[in-house]
Amino acid sequence: MEQLNNHLFSTINQFAGQNQYFDYMFMFFAEAMPYLFIVLVIAAWFRSKQQTKRYLIGATLTSLVGITINSLIAQVYFHPRPFMNDLGTTLVTHTPSTSFPSDHTTFMFCIAFSLLCHQATRTVALGLTILAVIGGLSRVYIGVHFPFDIAAAAVVSGFAAMVVHAARYKLRACYNMIIATGEVLTIRML
């Protein structure tokens, strides 16, 4: 499996450092994509009705669950990043921490997969899933993750989305309280 992971990494990362414009584009996708997700969720919050706000809260909670799962995995399993094994070309500076699974990609997939669980947000969620794939593969291109790190992020995110979705009715009162608090704060800010 490690050989396959290394081979897939080399296949994607081999283009890094060859074209300045592609490098900048993929560095942007790798680093900025999670912030785009945050901006989209916040913008959607202010334009949405209560039910969609519940979906957005669920997506945020799913991200917290996913990142928590990643932290637990990191406590029991360490996988070096490609540059720690002198593999490929690294385009950005990154701490030499465990690479498995990718936190950035988990965050993005959690938002997308959580919103995929609801008919009303499914079209947007499909677009976000594509952006999450681009963001994740960009992290491989820039040399800070292996492809299996991205695949594991998708698996963790799918699990987190299922857990939060299954608990949505139990969390409804909490969601409603968050919505009410958000409305009060919005009124006070205006």
N, C-alpha and C. Protein backbone atom coordinates (compact mmCIF):
# COMPACT_ATOMS: atom_id res chain seq x y z
N MET A 1 0.82 -1.20 0.00
CA MET A 1 0.00 0.00 0.00
C MET A 1 0.86 1.26 0.00
N GLU A 2 1.95 1.21 0.75
CA GLU A 2 2.83 2.38 0.82
C GLU A 2 3.43 2.69 -0.55
N GLN A 3 3.77 1.64 -1.29
CA GLN A 3 4.32 1.85 -2.63
C GLN A 3 3.29 2.52 -3.55
N LEU A 4 2.05 2.07 -3.45
CA LEU A 4 0.98 2.67 -4.26
C LEU A 4 0.80 4.13 -3.86
N ASN A 5 0.79 4.40 -2.57
CA ASN A 5 0.65 5.78 -2.08
C ASN A 5 1.78 6.66 -2.61
N ASN A 6 3.01 6.15 -2.54
CA ASN A 6 4.17 6.89 -3.04
C ASN A 6 4.08 7.11 -4.55
N HIS A 7 3.65 6.07 -5.27
CA HIS A 7 3.52 6.17 -6.73
C HIS A 7 2.47 7.21 -7.11
N LEU A 8 1.32 7.16 -6.45
CA LEU A 8 0.26 8.15 -6.74
C LEU A 8 0.74 9.55 -6.39
N PHE A 9 1.43 9.68 -5.27
CA PHE A 9 1.99 10.98 -4.90
C PHE A 9 2.92 11.50 -6.00
N SER A 10 3.84 10.66 -6.45
CA SER A 10 4.80 11.05 -7.47
C SER A 10 4.10 11.43 -8.78
N THR A 11 3.05 10.71 -9.11
CA THR A 11 2.31 10.99 -10.34
C THR A 11 1.70 12.39 -10.31
N ILE A 12 1.18 12.79 -9.17
CA ILE A 12 0.55 14.12 -9.04
C ILE A 12 1.59 15.20 -8.81
N ASN A 13 2.53 14.93 -7.92
CA ASN A 13 3.51 15.94 -7.50
C ASN A 13 4.60 16.19 -8.54
N GLN A 14 4.76 15.31 -9.52
CA GLN A 14 5.85 15.45 -10.50
C GLN A 14 5.80 16.77 -11.28
N PHE A 15 4.62 17.39 -11.32
CA PHE A 15 4.47 18.63 -12.07
C PHE A 15 4.81 19.87 -11.23
N ALA A 16 4.93 19.69 -9.92
CA ALA A 16 5.24 20.82 -9.04
C ALA A 16 6.61 21.38 -9.38
N GLY A 17 6.69 22.71 -9.44
CA GLY A 17 7.95 23.36 -9.73
C GLY A 17 8.25 23.47 -11.22
N GLN A 18 7.37 22.97 -12.07
CA GLN A 18 7.60 23.00 -13.51
C GLN A 18 7.00 24.24 -14.19
N ASN A 19 5.91 24.74 -13.60
CA ASN A 19 5.21 25.88 -14.20
C ASN A 19 4.77 26.81 -13.08
N GLN A 20 5.30 27.99 -13.08
CA GLN A 20 5.05 28.95 -12.00
C GLN A 20 3.56 29.25 -11.84
N TYR A 21 2.82 29.35 -12.93
CA TYR A 21 1.40 29.68 -12.86
C TYR A 21 0.59 28.53 -12.25
N PHE A 22 0.90 27.30 -12.66
CA PHE A 22 0.23 26.15 -12.05
C PHE A 22 0.58 26.05 -10.57
N ASP A 23 1.85 26.28 -10.25
CA ASP A 23 2.27 26.21 -8.85
C ASP A 23 1.47 27.20 -8.00
N TYR A 24 1.36 28.45 -8.46
CA TYR A 24 0.61 29.44 -7.70
C TYR A 24 -0.87 29.09 -7.61
N MET A 25 -1.41 28.57 -8.70
CA MET A 25 -2.82 28.20 -8.70
C MET A 25 -3.08 27.07 -7.69
N PHE A 26 -2.25 26.04 -7.70
CA PHE A 26 -2.47 24.93 -6.78
C PHE A 26 -2.12 25.30 -5.35
N MET A 27 -1.16 26.18 -5.15
CA MET A 27 -0.88 26.67 -3.80
C MET A 27 -2.09 27.44 -3.27
N PHE A 28 -2.70 28.23 -4.13
CA PHE A 28 -3.91 28.96 -3.75
C PHE A 28 -5.03 27.99 -3.38
N PHE A 29 -5.28 26.99 -4.24
CA PHE A 29 -6.33 26.01 -3.97
C PHE A 29 -6.05 25.27 -2.66
N ALA A 30 -4.80 24.89 -2.45
CA ALA A 30 -4.44 24.09 -1.27
C ALA A 30 -4.59 24.89 0.02
N GLU A 31 -4.21 26.15 -0.03
CA GLU A 31 -4.20 26.95 1.19
C GLU A 31 -5.49 27.73 1.42
N ALA A 32 -6.10 28.23 0.36
CA ALA A 32 -7.25 29.14 0.50
C ALA A 32 -8.61 28.44 0.46
N MET A 33 -8.67 27.23 -0.07
CA MET A 33 -9.97 26.57 -0.24
C MET A 33 -10.75 26.43 1.07
N PRO A 34 -10.12 26.04 2.19
CA PRO A 34 -10.90 25.96 3.43
C PRO A 34 -11.52 27.31 3.83
N TYR A 35 -10.79 28.39 3.56
CA TYR A 35 -11.33 29.72 3.88
C TYR A 35 -12.52 30.06 2.99
N LEU A 36 -12.47 29.60 1.75
CA LEU A 36 -13.62 29.79 0.85
C LEU A 36 -14.84 29.08 1.42
N PHE A 37 -14.65 27.88 1.95
CA PHE A 37 -15.75 27.14 2.56
C PHE A 37 -16.33 27.91 3.75
N ILE A 38 -15.45 28.49 4.56
CA ILE A 38 -15.92 29.27 5.72
C ILE A 38 -16.73 30.47 5.25
N VAL A 39 -16.23 31.18 4.26
CA VAL A 39 -16.95 32.35 3.73
C VAL A 39 -18.30 31.93 3.15
N LEU A 40 -18.34 30.82 2.43
CA LEU A 40 -19.60 30.36 1.85
C LEU A 40 -20.62 29.98 2.92
N VAL A 41 -20.15 29.32 3.98
CA VAL A 41 -21.08 28.94 5.06
C VAL A 41 -21.61 30.19 5.75
N ILE A 42 -20.74 31.15 6.02
CA ILE A 42 -21.19 32.38 6.68
C ILE A 42 -22.15 33.15 5.79
N ALA A 43 -21.83 33.26 4.50
CA ALA A 43 -22.72 33.97 3.57
C ALA A 43 -24.07 33.27 3.47
N ALA A 44 -24.04 31.95 3.41
CA ALA A 44 -25.29 31.18 3.34
C ALA A 44 -26.12 31.38 4.61
N TRP A 45 -25.45 31.48 5.74
CA TRP A 45 -26.16 31.68 7.02
C TRP A 45 -27.04 32.93 6.96
N PHE A 46 -26.48 34.01 6.45
CA PHE A 46 -27.21 35.28 6.44
C PHE A 46 -28.28 35.33 5.35
N ARG A 47 -28.25 34.39 4.43
CA ARG A 47 -29.24 34.39 3.35
C ARG A 47 -30.25 33.26 3.48
N SER A 48 -30.19 32.49 4.56
CA SER A 48 -30.97 31.27 4.66
C SER A 48 -32.13 31.36 5.64
N LYS A 49 -33.07 30.47 5.42
CA LYS A 49 -34.18 30.29 6.35
C LYS A 49 -33.72 29.35 7.47
N GLN A 50 -34.58 29.18 8.48
CA GLN A 50 -34.18 28.41 9.66
C GLN A 50 -33.74 26.98 9.34
N GLN A 51 -34.45 26.30 8.46
CA GLN A 51 -34.09 24.90 8.18
C GLN A 51 -32.69 24.80 7.58
N THR A 52 -32.39 25.67 6.65
CA THR A 52 -31.05 25.65 6.05
C THR A 52 -29.99 26.03 7.08
N LYS A 53 -30.33 26.92 7.99
CA LYS A 53 -29.39 27.26 9.06
C LYS A 53 -29.10 26.03 9.92
N ARG A 54 -30.11 25.20 10.14
CA ARG A 54 -29.87 23.95 10.88
C ARG A 54 -28.87 23.07 10.11
N TYR A 55 -29.01 23.02 8.79
CA TYR A 55 -28.07 22.23 7.98
C TYR A 55 -26.66 22.80 8.09
N LEU A 56 -26.55 24.12 8.11
CA LEU A 56 -25.23 24.75 8.21
C LEU A 56 -24.60 24.50 9.58
N ILE A 57 -25.43 24.54 10.62
CA ILE A 57 -24.91 24.21 11.96
C ILE A 57 -24.46 22.75 11.98
N GLY A 58 -25.25 21.88 11.38
CA GLY A 58 -24.88 20.47 11.30
C GLY A 58 -23.57 20.27 10.54
N ALA A 59 -23.38 21.04 9.48
CA ALA A 59 -22.13 20.95 8.71
C ALA A 59 -20.94 21.41 9.55
N THR A 60 -21.14 22.46 10.32
CA THR A 60 -20.08 22.95 11.20
C THR A 60 -19.76 21.91 12.27
N LEU A 61 -20.80 21.34 12.86
CA LEU A 61 -20.60 20.30 13.87
C LEU A 61 -19.90 19.08 13.25
N THR A 62 -20.29 18.74 12.03
CA THR A 62 -19.64 17.62 11.34
C THR A 62 -18.14 17.88 11.19
N SER A 63 -17.78 19.12 10.88
CA SER A 63 -16.35 19.46 10.76
C SER A 63 -15.63 19.28 12.09
N LEU A 64 -16.28 19.70 13.16
CA LEU A 64 -15.67 19.52 14.49
C LEU A 64 -15.48 18.05 14.82
N VAL A 65 -16.48 17.24 14.50
CA VAL A 65 -16.38 15.80 14.73
C VAL A 65 -15.26 15.21 13.88
N GLY A 66 -15.21 15.59 12.60
CA GLY A 66 -14.18 15.07 11.71
C GLY A 66 -12.78 15.42 12.16
N ILE A 67 -12.56 16.67 12.55
CA ILE A 67 -11.23 17.09 13.01
C ILE A 67 -10.87 16.40 14.32
N THR A 68 -11.87 16.17 15.18
CA THR A 68 -11.63 15.44 16.42
C THR A 68 -11.20 14.01 16.13
N ILE A 69 -11.87 13.37 15.16
CA ILE A 69 -11.48 12.01 14.77
C ILE A 69 -10.05 12.01 14.25
N ASN A 70 -9.71 13.01 13.42
CA ASN A 70 -8.33 13.10 12.92
C ASN A 70 -7.33 13.22 14.07
N SER A 71 -7.67 14.01 15.07
CA SER A 71 -6.78 14.17 16.23
C SER A 71 -6.59 12.85 16.96
N LEU A 72 -7.67 12.09 17.08
CA LEU A 72 -7.57 10.77 17.73
C LEU A 72 -6.70 9.82 16.91
N ILE A 73 -6.87 9.86 15.59
CA ILE A 73 -6.04 9.02 14.72
C ILE A 73 -4.57 9.40 14.89
N ALA A 74 -4.30 10.69 14.94
CA ALA A 74 -2.92 11.16 15.08
C ALA A 74 -2.28 10.71 16.39
N GLN A 75 -3.10 10.47 17.41
CA GLN A 75 -2.57 9.99 18.69
C GLN A 75 -2.07 8.56 18.62
N VAL A 76 -2.62 7.78 17.69
CA VAL A 76 -2.26 6.35 17.62
C VAL A 76 -1.49 5.98 16.36
N TYR A 77 -1.49 6.87 15.37
CA TYR A 77 -0.81 6.54 14.11
C TYR A 77 -0.12 7.78 13.57
N PHE A 78 1.16 7.65 13.31
CA PHE A 78 1.93 8.74 12.72
C PHE A 78 2.38 8.34 11.33
N HIS A 79 2.06 9.18 10.36
CA HIS A 79 2.55 8.95 9.00
C HIS A 79 3.27 10.22 8.56
N PRO A 80 4.55 10.11 8.20
CA PRO A 80 5.30 11.31 7.82
C PRO A 80 4.76 11.94 6.52
N ARG A 81 4.96 13.23 6.43
CA ARG A 81 4.61 13.94 5.20
C ARG A 81 5.65 13.62 4.14
N PRO A 82 5.30 13.80 2.86
CA PRO A 82 6.26 13.44 1.80
C PRO A 82 7.64 14.07 1.97
N PHE A 83 7.68 15.36 2.31
CA PHE A 83 8.98 16.03 2.43
C PHE A 83 9.80 15.48 3.59
N MET A 84 9.16 14.85 4.56
CA MET A 84 9.90 14.25 5.67
C MET A 84 10.65 13.00 5.22
N ASN A 85 10.21 12.43 4.10
CA ASN A 85 10.87 11.27 3.51
C ASN A 85 11.66 11.65 2.26
N ASP A 86 11.91 12.95 2.09
CA ASP A 86 12.63 13.47 0.92
C ASP A 86 11.99 13.02 -0.40
N LEU A 87 10.66 13.07 -0.43
CA LEU A 87 9.94 12.71 -1.65
C LEU A 87 9.38 13.96 -2.33
N GLY A 88 9.51 14.02 -3.63
CA GLY A 88 8.85 15.04 -4.43
C GLY A 88 9.37 16.44 -4.21
N THR A 89 8.54 17.38 -4.69
CA THR A 89 8.84 18.80 -4.59
C THR A 89 7.83 19.43 -3.65
N THR A 90 8.32 20.16 -2.66
CA THR A 90 7.44 20.84 -1.71
C THR A 90 7.43 22.32 -2.03
N LEU A 91 6.24 22.86 -2.25
CA LEU A 91 6.11 24.26 -2.67
C LEU A 91 5.84 25.23 -1.52
N VAL A 92 5.46 24.70 -0.35
CA VAL A 92 5.17 25.56 0.79
C VAL A 92 5.88 24.99 2.02
N THR A 93 6.12 25.87 2.97
CA THR A 93 6.70 25.42 4.24
C THR A 93 5.59 24.84 5.10
N HIS A 94 5.86 23.70 5.70
CA HIS A 94 4.87 23.06 6.55
C HIS A 94 5.58 22.40 7.73
N THR A 95 4.92 22.37 8.86
CA THR A 95 5.51 21.71 10.03
C THR A 95 5.62 20.21 9.75
N PRO A 96 6.64 19.57 10.28
CA PRO A 96 6.82 18.13 10.06
C PRO A 96 5.94 17.31 11.02
N SER A 97 4.64 17.37 10.77
CA SER A 97 3.66 16.66 11.60
C SER A 97 3.08 15.49 10.81
N THR A 98 2.24 14.72 11.47
CA THR A 98 1.61 13.60 10.79
C THR A 98 0.74 14.10 9.64
N SER A 99 0.72 13.33 8.58
CA SER A 99 -0.03 13.76 7.40
C SER A 99 -1.38 13.07 7.27
N PHE A 100 -1.62 12.05 8.06
CA PHE A 100 -2.77 11.16 7.86
C PHE A 100 -3.79 11.32 8.98
N PRO A 101 -5.03 11.63 8.63
CA PRO A 101 -5.57 12.16 7.38
C PRO A 101 -5.37 13.68 7.32
N SER A 102 -5.66 14.26 6.17
CA SER A 102 -5.49 15.70 5.97
C SER A 102 -6.60 16.47 6.69
N ASP A 103 -6.22 17.35 7.61
CA ASP A 103 -7.21 18.17 8.33
C ASP A 103 -7.91 19.15 7.39
N HIS A 104 -7.15 19.80 6.52
CA HIS A 104 -7.75 20.75 5.58
C HIS A 104 -8.83 20.07 4.75
N THR A 105 -8.48 18.91 4.22
CA THR A 105 -9.40 18.19 3.35
C THR A 105 -10.57 17.63 4.14
N THR A 106 -10.32 17.17 5.36
CA THR A 106 -11.41 16.69 6.21
C THR A 106 -12.42 17.80 6.44
N PHE A 107 -11.93 18.99 6.76
CA PHE A 107 -12.82 20.12 6.99
C PHE A 107 -13.73 20.35 5.78
N MET A 108 -13.11 20.38 4.59
CA MET A 108 -13.90 20.65 3.38
C MET A 108 -14.89 19.54 3.08
N PHE A 109 -14.44 18.30 3.16
CA PHE A 109 -15.34 17.18 2.89
C PHE A 109 -16.47 17.11 3.93
N CYS A 110 -16.16 17.43 5.17
CA CYS A 110 -17.21 17.41 6.21
C CYS A 110 -18.35 18.38 5.86
N ILE A 111 -18.00 19.58 5.45
CA ILE A 111 -19.02 20.56 5.06
C ILE A 111 -19.82 20.01 3.88
N ALA A 112 -19.12 19.55 2.85
CA ALA A 112 -19.78 19.07 1.64
C ALA A 112 -20.65 17.84 1.93
N PHE A 113 -20.11 16.85 2.63
CA PHE A 113 -20.86 15.62 2.87
C PHE A 113 -22.04 15.84 3.79
N SER A 114 -21.88 16.72 4.76
CA SER A 114 -23.00 17.03 5.64
C SER A 114 -24.16 17.64 4.85
N LEU A 115 -23.84 18.57 3.96
CA LEU A 115 -24.88 19.21 3.16
C LEU A 115 -25.46 18.26 2.11
N LEU A 116 -24.69 17.25 1.71
CA LEU A 116 -25.21 16.23 0.79
C LEU A 116 -26.34 15.41 1.41
N CYS A 117 -26.39 15.39 2.73
CA CYS A 117 -27.42 14.61 3.44
C CYS A 117 -28.82 15.21 3.32
N HIS A 118 -28.93 16.41 2.80
CA HIS A 118 -30.22 17.11 2.76
C HIS A 118 -30.57 17.47 1.31
N GLN A 119 -31.76 17.13 0.90
CA GLN A 119 -32.22 17.38 -0.46
C GLN A 119 -32.08 18.85 -0.84
N ALA A 120 -32.42 19.75 0.07
CA ALA A 120 -32.43 21.19 -0.22
C ALA A 120 -31.04 21.75 -0.51
N THR A 121 -30.00 21.12 0.00
CA THR A 121 -28.64 21.65 -0.17
C THR A 121 -27.77 20.73 -1.04
N ARG A 122 -28.37 19.74 -1.65
CA ARG A 122 -27.59 18.73 -2.37
C ARG A 122 -26.84 19.30 -3.58
N THR A 123 -27.46 20.19 -4.33
CA THR A 123 -26.78 20.75 -5.52
C THR A 123 -25.55 21.54 -5.12
N VAL A 124 -25.70 22.39 -4.12
CA VAL A 124 -24.55 23.16 -3.62
C VAL A 124 -23.50 22.20 -3.07
N ALA A 125 -23.94 21.17 -2.37
CA ALA A 125 -23.01 20.22 -1.77
C ALA A 125 -22.20 19.47 -2.83
N LEU A 126 -22.80 19.18 -3.96
CA LEU A 126 -22.05 18.52 -5.04
C LEU A 126 -20.92 19.43 -5.53
N GLY A 127 -21.22 20.72 -5.67
CA GLY A 127 -20.18 21.68 -6.05
C GLY A 127 -19.09 21.76 -5.00
N LEU A 128 -19.49 21.76 -3.74
CA LEU A 128 -18.50 21.81 -2.65
C LEU A 128 -17.65 20.54 -2.62
N THR A 129 -18.26 19.41 -2.96
CA THR A 129 -17.50 18.15 -2.99
C THR A 129 -16.42 18.23 -4.06
N ILE A 130 -16.76 18.79 -5.21
CA ILE A 130 -15.76 18.95 -6.28
C ILE A 130 -14.64 19.88 -5.80
N LEU A 131 -15.01 20.98 -5.14
CA LEU A 131 -13.99 21.89 -4.61
C LEU A 131 -13.12 21.21 -3.56
N ALA A 132 -13.72 20.35 -2.74
CA ALA A 132 -12.96 19.63 -1.72
C ALA A 132 -11.95 18.68 -2.37
N VAL A 133 -12.36 18.02 -3.44
CA VAL A 133 -11.44 17.13 -4.17
C VAL A 133 -10.29 17.95 -4.75
N ILE A 134 -10.62 19.09 -5.37
CA ILE A 134 -9.57 19.96 -5.93
C ILE A 134 -8.63 20.44 -4.82
N GLY A 135 -9.21 20.88 -3.70
CA GLY A 135 -8.39 21.34 -2.58
C GLY A 135 -7.50 20.23 -2.04
N GLY A 136 -8.06 19.03 -1.91
CA GLY A 136 -7.28 17.91 -1.40
C GLY A 136 -6.15 17.50 -2.33
N LEU A 137 -6.46 17.37 -3.62
CA LEU A 137 -5.42 16.99 -4.58
C LEU A 137 -4.37 18.09 -4.73
N SER A 138 -4.78 19.32 -4.51
CA SER A 138 -3.81 20.43 -4.54
C SER A 138 -2.80 20.29 -3.42
N ARG A 139 -3.23 19.74 -2.30
CA ARG A 139 -2.30 19.54 -1.17
C ARG A 139 -1.28 18.45 -1.50
N VAL A 140 -1.69 17.52 -2.35
CA VAL A 140 -0.73 16.52 -2.84
C VAL A 140 0.23 17.18 -3.83
N TYR A 141 -0.32 17.96 -4.74
CA TYR A 141 0.49 18.65 -5.75
C TYR A 141 1.58 19.50 -5.10
N ILE A 142 1.22 20.23 -4.03
CA ILE A 142 2.21 21.13 -3.40
C ILE A 142 3.17 20.38 -2.47
N GLY A 143 2.96 19.08 -2.30
CA GLY A 143 3.94 18.25 -1.61
C GLY A 143 3.78 18.09 -0.11
N VAL A 144 2.60 18.41 0.44
CA VAL A 144 2.44 18.29 1.89
C VAL A 144 1.58 17.11 2.32
N HIS A 145 0.97 16.42 1.36
CA HIS A 145 0.14 15.25 1.67
C HIS A 145 0.31 14.17 0.61
N PHE A 146 0.01 12.95 1.04
CA PHE A 146 -0.08 11.82 0.13
C PHE A 146 -1.53 11.64 -0.30
N PRO A 147 -1.77 10.98 -1.43
CA PRO A 147 -3.16 10.73 -1.85
C PRO A 147 -3.99 9.96 -0.82
N PHE A 148 -3.37 9.01 -0.10
CA PHE A 148 -4.13 8.27 0.90
C PHE A 148 -4.58 9.17 2.05
N ASP A 149 -3.84 10.25 2.32
CA ASP A 149 -4.24 11.22 3.34
C ASP A 149 -5.56 11.88 2.93
N ILE A 150 -5.70 12.13 1.64
CA ILE A 150 -6.91 12.76 1.10
C ILE A 150 -8.06 11.76 1.12
N ALA A 151 -7.78 10.53 0.72
CA ALA A 151 -8.81 9.48 0.74
C ALA A 151 -9.28 9.23 2.17
N ALA A 152 -8.36 9.20 3.12
CA ALA A 152 -8.73 8.99 4.52
C ALA A 152 -9.58 10.15 5.02
N ALA A 153 -9.26 11.36 4.58
CA ALA A 153 -10.06 12.53 4.97
C ALA A 153 -11.50 12.37 4.48
N ALA A 154 -11.67 11.85 3.28
CA ALA A 154 -13.02 11.62 2.74
C ALA A 154 -13.76 10.57 3.57
N VAL A 155 -13.07 9.51 3.96
CA VAL A 155 -13.70 8.45 4.77
C VAL A 155 -14.10 9.00 6.14
N VAL A 156 -13.19 9.69 6.80
CA VAL A 156 -13.48 10.29 8.11
C VAL A 156 -14.66 11.24 7.99
N SER A 157 -14.67 12.05 6.94
CA SER A 157 -15.74 13.03 6.74
C SER A 157 -17.08 12.36 6.50
N GLY A 158 -17.07 11.30 5.72
CA GLY A 158 -18.31 10.56 5.49
C GLY A 158 -18.86 9.98 6.78
N PHE A 159 -17.97 9.43 7.60
CA PHE A 159 -18.39 8.88 8.89
C PHE A 159 -18.93 9.99 9.79
N ALA A 160 -18.21 11.10 9.87
CA ALA A 160 -18.65 12.22 10.72
C ALA A 160 -20.01 12.75 10.26
N ALA A 161 -20.20 12.85 8.95
CA ALA A 161 -21.48 13.33 8.42
C ALA A 161 -22.61 12.38 8.79
N MET A 162 -22.35 11.07 8.70
CA MET A 162 -23.39 10.10 9.07
C MET A 162 -23.74 10.19 10.55
N VAL A 163 -22.73 10.35 11.40
CA VAL A 163 -22.97 10.43 12.85
C VAL A 163 -23.82 11.66 13.18
N VAL A 164 -23.43 12.81 12.66
CA VAL A 164 -24.16 14.05 12.96
C VAL A 164 -25.55 14.01 12.34
N HIS A 165 -25.66 13.48 11.14
CA HIS A 165 -26.97 13.39 10.49
C HIS A 165 -27.90 12.48 11.29
N ALA A 166 -27.37 11.37 11.79
CA ALA A 166 -28.18 10.44 12.58
C ALA A 166 -28.67 11.08 13.88
N ALA A 167 -27.90 12.04 14.40
CA ALA A 167 -28.26 12.69 15.68
C ALA A 167 -29.02 14.00 15.49
N ARG A 168 -29.40 14.32 14.25
CA ARG A 168 -29.96 15.65 13.96
C ARG A 168 -31.23 15.96 14.75
N TYR A 169 -32.08 14.98 15.00
CA TYR A 169 -33.31 15.26 15.74
C TYR A 169 -33.02 15.50 17.22
N LYS A 170 -32.04 14.80 17.74
CA LYS A 170 -31.64 15.01 19.14
C LYS A 170 -30.96 16.37 19.32
N LEU A 171 -30.36 16.86 18.25
CA LEU A 171 -29.64 18.13 18.31
C LEU A 171 -30.51 19.33 17.93
N ARG A 172 -31.75 19.08 17.56
CA ARG A 172 -32.62 20.15 17.04
C ARG A 172 -32.77 21.31 18.04
N ALA A 173 -32.97 21.01 19.31
CA ALA A 173 -33.13 22.07 20.31
C ALA A 173 -31.85 22.91 20.40
N CYS A 174 -30.70 22.27 20.34
CA CYS A 174 -29.42 22.99 20.36
C CYS A 174 -29.29 23.85 19.12
N TYR A 175 -29.64 23.30 17.96
CA TYR A 175 -29.59 24.06 16.71
C TYR A 175 -30.49 25.29 16.80
N ASN A 176 -31.69 25.09 17.32
CA ASN A 176 -32.64 26.21 17.44
C ASN A 176 -32.11 27.30 18.37
N MET A 177 -31.44 26.88 19.44
CA MET A 177 -30.87 27.85 20.37
C MET A 177 -29.76 28.66 19.68
N ILE A 178 -28.94 27.99 18.89
CA ILE A 178 -27.88 28.68 18.16
C ILE A 178 -28.47 29.66 17.16
N ILE A 179 -29.53 29.25 16.46
CA ILE A 179 -30.19 30.13 15.49
C ILE A 179 -30.77 31.35 16.19
N ALA A 180 -31.45 31.14 17.31
CA ALA A 180 -32.04 32.25 18.06
C ALA A 180 -30.96 33.21 18.55
N THR A 181 -29.86 32.67 19.06
CA THR A 181 -28.76 33.51 19.52
C THR A 181 -28.17 34.29 18.36
N GLY A 182 -28.01 33.64 17.21
CA GLY A 182 -27.48 34.32 16.03
C GLY A 182 -28.38 35.45 15.57
N GLU A 183 -29.69 35.24 15.65
CA GLU A 183 -30.63 36.29 15.24
C GLU A 183 -30.57 37.48 16.19
N VAL A 184 -30.47 37.21 17.49
CA VAL A 184 -30.36 38.30 18.47
C VAL A 184 -29.08 39.10 18.24
N LEU A 185 -27.98 38.40 18.02
CA LEU A 185 -26.70 39.08 17.78
C LEU A 185 -26.74 39.90 16.49
N THR A 186 -27.37 39.36 15.47
CA THR A 186 -27.49 40.09 14.20
C THR A 186 -28.30 41.37 14.37
N ILE A 187 -29.40 41.28 15.11
CA ILE A 187 -30.23 42.46 15.35
C ILE A 187 -29.45 43.51 16.14
N ARG A 188 -28.69 43.07 17.14
CA ARG A 188 -27.91 44.01 17.95
C ARG A 188 -26.81 44.67 17.14
N MET A 189 -26.23 43.94 16.19
CA MET A 189 -25.16 44.50 15.36
C MET A 189 -25.71 45.53 14.37
N LEU A 190 -26.95 45.37 13.97
CA LEU A 190 -27.54 46.31 13.02
C LEU A 190 -28.01 47.49 13.78
